[in-house]
Amino acid sequence: MIINLKKFGTTLVSRPSGKEAWLAFQPTLNDVQENEEVIVDFSDIAVLTPSWADEFLTPLHSRFPEKVRLINTDNASVKATFATLAKQ
C-alpha cells in the first residue's frame, strides 16, 4: 500500500489536522495484507511539522512496526521533522 501524503494537502501542520488525517485513513489501513509493505510517499509536500507527523506517522509505525517505509523524504522540512521526532 502506498500512502500519498499530498492527498491531505501539501502543507501538513497542526496536531488536530494530523489526528484528523489519521482517523480518516483508518478504513483504508484495514485492507493492508499480512505481507504487504506500507509505503509513505512525501512527494510534493512543502511543509511537514513535527506535530502533524507525530499524530499520523507515530501511530502508523506503532500499528505496522516492521512494514512502514518512507520515500521521497528529500524536502528540508521533512528532514527537520524526522530529526525532531527522533529526539523524542
N, C-alpha and C. Protein backbone atom coordinates (compact mmCIF):
# COMPACT_ATOMS: atom_id res chain seq x y z
N MET A 1 0.84 -1.17 0.00
CA MET A 1 0.00 0.00 0.00
C MET A 1 0.89 1.24 0.00
N ILE A 2 0.51 2.19 -0.82
CA ILE A 2 1.22 3.47 -0.85
C ILE A 2 0.29 4.55 -0.31
N ILE A 3 0.79 5.30 0.66
CA ILE A 3 0.06 6.43 1.22
C ILE A 3 0.69 7.69 0.66
N ASN A 4 0.00 8.35 -0.26
CA ASN A 4 0.46 9.62 -0.81
C ASN A 4 -0.02 10.73 0.11
N LEU A 5 0.89 11.27 0.90
CA LEU A 5 0.50 12.27 1.89
C LEU A 5 -0.07 13.53 1.26
N LYS A 6 0.26 13.80 -0.01
CA LYS A 6 -0.26 15.01 -0.64
C LYS A 6 -1.79 14.99 -0.74
N LYS A 7 -2.40 13.83 -0.59
CA LYS A 7 -3.86 13.78 -0.60
C LYS A 7 -4.45 14.52 0.61
N PHE A 8 -3.62 14.76 1.64
CA PHE A 8 -4.04 15.51 2.81
C PHE A 8 -3.65 16.99 2.70
N GLY A 9 -2.99 17.34 1.60
CA GLY A 9 -2.53 18.71 1.38
C GLY A 9 -1.02 18.73 1.26
N THR A 10 -0.48 19.87 0.85
CA THR A 10 0.98 19.98 0.71
C THR A 10 1.61 20.66 1.92
N THR A 11 0.78 21.26 2.76
CA THR A 11 1.24 21.89 3.99
C THR A 11 0.59 21.16 5.15
N LEU A 12 1.33 20.26 5.76
CA LEU A 12 0.80 19.40 6.82
C LEU A 12 1.25 19.94 8.17
N VAL A 13 0.34 20.69 8.78
CA VAL A 13 0.66 21.35 10.05
C VAL A 13 -0.46 21.11 11.05
N SER A 14 -0.15 21.17 12.29
CA SER A 14 -1.03 21.11 13.46
C SER A 14 -1.37 19.70 13.88
N ARG A 15 -1.40 19.53 15.16
CA ARG A 15 -1.74 18.25 15.77
C ARG A 15 -3.18 17.83 15.43
N PRO A 16 -4.17 18.74 15.52
CA PRO A 16 -5.54 18.35 15.18
C PRO A 16 -5.68 17.88 13.73
N SER A 17 -4.98 18.54 12.83
CA SER A 17 -5.04 18.15 11.42
C SER A 17 -4.43 16.77 11.19
N GLY A 18 -3.32 16.49 11.84
CA GLY A 18 -2.69 15.18 11.73
C GLY A 18 -3.56 14.09 12.31
N LYS A 19 -4.19 14.37 13.43
CA LYS A 19 -5.09 13.40 14.07
C LYS A 19 -6.29 13.13 13.18
N GLU A 20 -6.84 14.19 12.58
CA GLU A 20 -7.98 14.04 11.67
C GLU A 20 -7.60 13.18 10.46
N ALA A 21 -6.42 13.42 9.89
CA ALA A 21 -5.95 12.63 8.75
C ALA A 21 -5.80 11.16 9.15
N TRP A 22 -5.23 10.91 10.33
CA TRP A 22 -5.04 9.55 10.82
C TRP A 22 -6.38 8.83 10.97
N LEU A 23 -7.32 9.49 11.60
CA LEU A 23 -8.64 8.88 11.82
C LEU A 23 -9.37 8.64 10.50
N ALA A 24 -9.25 9.57 9.57
CA ALA A 24 -9.92 9.42 8.28
C ALA A 24 -9.33 8.28 7.46
N PHE A 25 -8.05 7.98 7.68
CA PHE A 25 -7.37 6.96 6.89
C PHE A 25 -7.53 5.55 7.45
N GLN A 26 -8.09 5.41 8.63
CA GLN A 26 -8.22 4.11 9.29
C GLN A 26 -8.91 3.04 8.44
N PRO A 27 -10.04 3.33 7.79
CA PRO A 27 -10.69 2.27 6.99
C PRO A 27 -9.78 1.72 5.88
N THR A 28 -8.97 2.57 5.29
CA THR A 28 -8.06 2.13 4.24
C THR A 28 -6.99 1.20 4.79
N LEU A 29 -6.52 1.46 5.99
CA LEU A 29 -5.48 0.62 6.60
C LEU A 29 -5.97 -0.77 6.94
N ASN A 30 -7.26 -0.93 7.06
CA ASN A 30 -7.81 -2.27 7.33
C ASN A 30 -7.58 -3.23 6.17
N ASP A 31 -7.26 -2.68 4.99
CA ASP A 31 -7.03 -3.50 3.80
C ASP A 31 -5.59 -3.96 3.63
N VAL A 32 -4.69 -3.54 4.53
CA VAL A 32 -3.28 -3.93 4.42
C VAL A 32 -3.16 -5.43 4.66
N GLN A 33 -2.53 -6.10 3.70
CA GLN A 33 -2.33 -7.55 3.79
C GLN A 33 -1.16 -7.87 4.71
N GLU A 34 -1.11 -9.09 5.18
CA GLU A 34 -0.09 -9.51 6.14
C GLU A 34 1.34 -9.28 5.64
N ASN A 35 1.60 -9.57 4.39
CA ASN A 35 2.95 -9.44 3.85
C ASN A 35 3.15 -8.16 3.05
N GLU A 36 2.22 -7.23 3.14
CA GLU A 36 2.28 -6.00 2.37
C GLU A 36 3.06 -4.91 3.10
N GLU A 37 3.87 -4.18 2.36
CA GLU A 37 4.61 -3.05 2.91
C GLU A 37 3.72 -1.81 2.87
N VAL A 38 3.88 -0.94 3.85
CA VAL A 38 3.15 0.33 3.90
C VAL A 38 4.15 1.43 3.56
N ILE A 39 4.01 2.00 2.38
CA ILE A 39 4.95 3.00 1.89
C ILE A 39 4.31 4.37 2.04
N VAL A 40 5.01 5.27 2.70
CA VAL A 40 4.53 6.64 2.88
C VAL A 40 5.33 7.53 1.94
N ASP A 41 4.63 8.15 1.00
CA ASP A 41 5.25 8.97 -0.04
C ASP A 41 5.10 10.45 0.30
N PHE A 42 6.23 11.14 0.43
CA PHE A 42 6.24 12.56 0.78
C PHE A 42 6.38 13.46 -0.45
N SER A 43 6.14 12.93 -1.64
CA SER A 43 6.21 13.74 -2.86
C SER A 43 5.30 14.95 -2.75
N ASP A 44 5.80 16.11 -3.19
CA ASP A 44 5.03 17.36 -3.27
C ASP A 44 4.66 17.96 -1.92
N ILE A 45 5.20 17.43 -0.82
CA ILE A 45 4.94 18.01 0.49
C ILE A 45 5.86 19.22 0.65
N ALA A 46 5.26 20.38 0.89
CA ALA A 46 6.04 21.61 1.07
C ALA A 46 6.45 21.79 2.52
N VAL A 47 5.52 21.53 3.45
CA VAL A 47 5.79 21.71 4.87
C VAL A 47 5.22 20.53 5.64
N LEU A 48 6.03 19.98 6.52
CA LEU A 48 5.60 18.92 7.44
C LEU A 48 6.08 19.30 8.83
N THR A 49 5.15 19.47 9.75
CA THR A 49 5.53 19.83 11.12
C THR A 49 5.61 18.59 12.00
N PRO A 50 6.43 18.65 13.05
CA PRO A 50 6.52 17.52 13.96
C PRO A 50 5.17 17.14 14.59
N SER A 51 4.33 18.13 14.86
CA SER A 51 3.05 17.82 15.49
C SER A 51 2.16 17.00 14.56
N TRP A 52 2.08 17.38 13.27
CA TRP A 52 1.27 16.63 12.31
C TRP A 52 1.84 15.22 12.16
N ALA A 53 3.15 15.14 11.96
CA ALA A 53 3.80 13.85 11.77
C ALA A 53 3.61 12.94 12.98
N ASP A 54 3.69 13.51 14.17
CA ASP A 54 3.53 12.71 15.39
C ASP A 54 2.13 12.11 15.47
N GLU A 55 1.14 12.84 15.03
CA GLU A 55 -0.24 12.34 15.08
C GLU A 55 -0.55 11.31 14.00
N PHE A 56 0.17 11.37 12.88
CA PHE A 56 -0.10 10.43 11.78
C PHE A 56 0.94 9.32 11.69
N LEU A 57 2.20 9.68 11.67
CA LEU A 57 3.26 8.68 11.45
C LEU A 57 3.56 7.83 12.67
N THR A 58 3.49 8.40 13.86
CA THR A 58 3.78 7.63 15.06
C THR A 58 2.79 6.48 15.25
N PRO A 59 1.47 6.73 15.16
CA PRO A 59 0.55 5.59 15.29
C PRO A 59 0.63 4.62 14.11
N LEU A 60 0.98 5.15 12.92
CA LEU A 60 1.14 4.26 11.76
C LEU A 60 2.29 3.29 12.02
N HIS A 61 3.40 3.82 12.52
CA HIS A 61 4.55 2.96 12.82
C HIS A 61 4.23 1.99 13.96
N SER A 62 3.44 2.44 14.93
CA SER A 62 3.06 1.56 16.04
C SER A 62 2.18 0.41 15.56
N ARG A 63 1.30 0.71 14.61
CA ARG A 63 0.40 -0.32 14.10
C ARG A 63 1.11 -1.30 13.17
N PHE A 64 2.07 -0.79 12.39
CA PHE A 64 2.80 -1.63 11.43
C PHE A 64 4.31 -1.45 11.64
N PRO A 65 4.84 -1.90 12.76
CA PRO A 65 6.24 -1.59 13.12
C PRO A 65 7.29 -2.09 12.13
N GLU A 66 7.05 -3.16 11.47
CA GLU A 66 8.05 -3.72 10.56
C GLU A 66 7.72 -3.47 9.09
N LYS A 67 6.66 -2.76 8.82
CA LYS A 67 6.18 -2.63 7.44
C LYS A 67 6.31 -1.24 6.84
N VAL A 68 6.52 -0.21 7.65
CA VAL A 68 6.49 1.16 7.14
C VAL A 68 7.82 1.53 6.49
N ARG A 69 7.71 2.09 5.27
CA ARG A 69 8.89 2.59 4.55
C ARG A 69 8.55 4.00 4.06
N LEU A 70 9.46 4.93 4.24
CA LEU A 70 9.26 6.32 3.85
C LEU A 70 10.03 6.60 2.57
N ILE A 71 9.37 7.26 1.60
CA ILE A 71 10.04 7.59 0.35
C ILE A 71 9.86 9.07 0.03
N ASN A 72 10.74 9.58 -0.82
CA ASN A 72 10.72 10.98 -1.25
C ASN A 72 10.78 11.93 -0.06
N THR A 73 11.77 11.71 0.77
CA THR A 73 11.93 12.48 2.02
C THR A 73 13.02 13.54 1.91
N ASP A 74 13.34 13.99 0.70
CA ASP A 74 14.44 14.92 0.49
C ASP A 74 14.13 16.36 0.92
N ASN A 75 12.88 16.70 1.09
CA ASN A 75 12.47 18.04 1.47
C ASN A 75 13.08 18.41 2.83
N ALA A 76 13.57 19.65 2.94
CA ALA A 76 14.22 20.10 4.18
C ALA A 76 13.25 20.08 5.36
N SER A 77 12.00 20.42 5.13
CA SER A 77 11.01 20.41 6.20
C SER A 77 10.76 18.99 6.71
N VAL A 78 10.71 18.05 5.80
CA VAL A 78 10.50 16.65 6.17
C VAL A 78 11.71 16.14 6.96
N LYS A 79 12.90 16.45 6.49
CA LYS A 79 14.11 16.02 7.20
C LYS A 79 14.18 16.61 8.61
N ALA A 80 13.85 17.89 8.73
CA ALA A 80 13.89 18.55 10.04
C ALA A 80 12.87 17.94 10.99
N THR A 81 11.70 17.60 10.46
CA THR A 81 10.67 16.97 11.28
C THR A 81 11.14 15.61 11.78
N PHE A 82 11.75 14.81 10.91
CA PHE A 82 12.24 13.50 11.33
C PHE A 82 13.32 13.66 12.40
N ALA A 83 14.17 14.64 12.27
CA ALA A 83 15.22 14.87 13.26
C ALA A 83 14.61 15.24 14.61
N THR A 84 13.57 16.04 14.58
CA THR A 84 12.89 16.43 15.83
C THR A 84 12.22 15.22 16.47
N LEU A 85 11.53 14.43 15.69
CA LEU A 85 10.84 13.26 16.24
C LEU A 85 11.82 12.22 16.77
N ALA A 86 12.97 12.10 16.13
CA ALA A 86 13.97 11.14 16.57
C ALA A 86 14.51 11.49 17.95
N LYS A 87 14.51 12.77 18.30
CA LYS A 87 15.00 13.22 19.61
C LYS A 87 14.01 12.88 20.73
N GLN A 88 12.75 12.68 20.36
CA GLN A 88 11.72 12.45 21.38
C GLN A 88 11.73 11.04 21.87
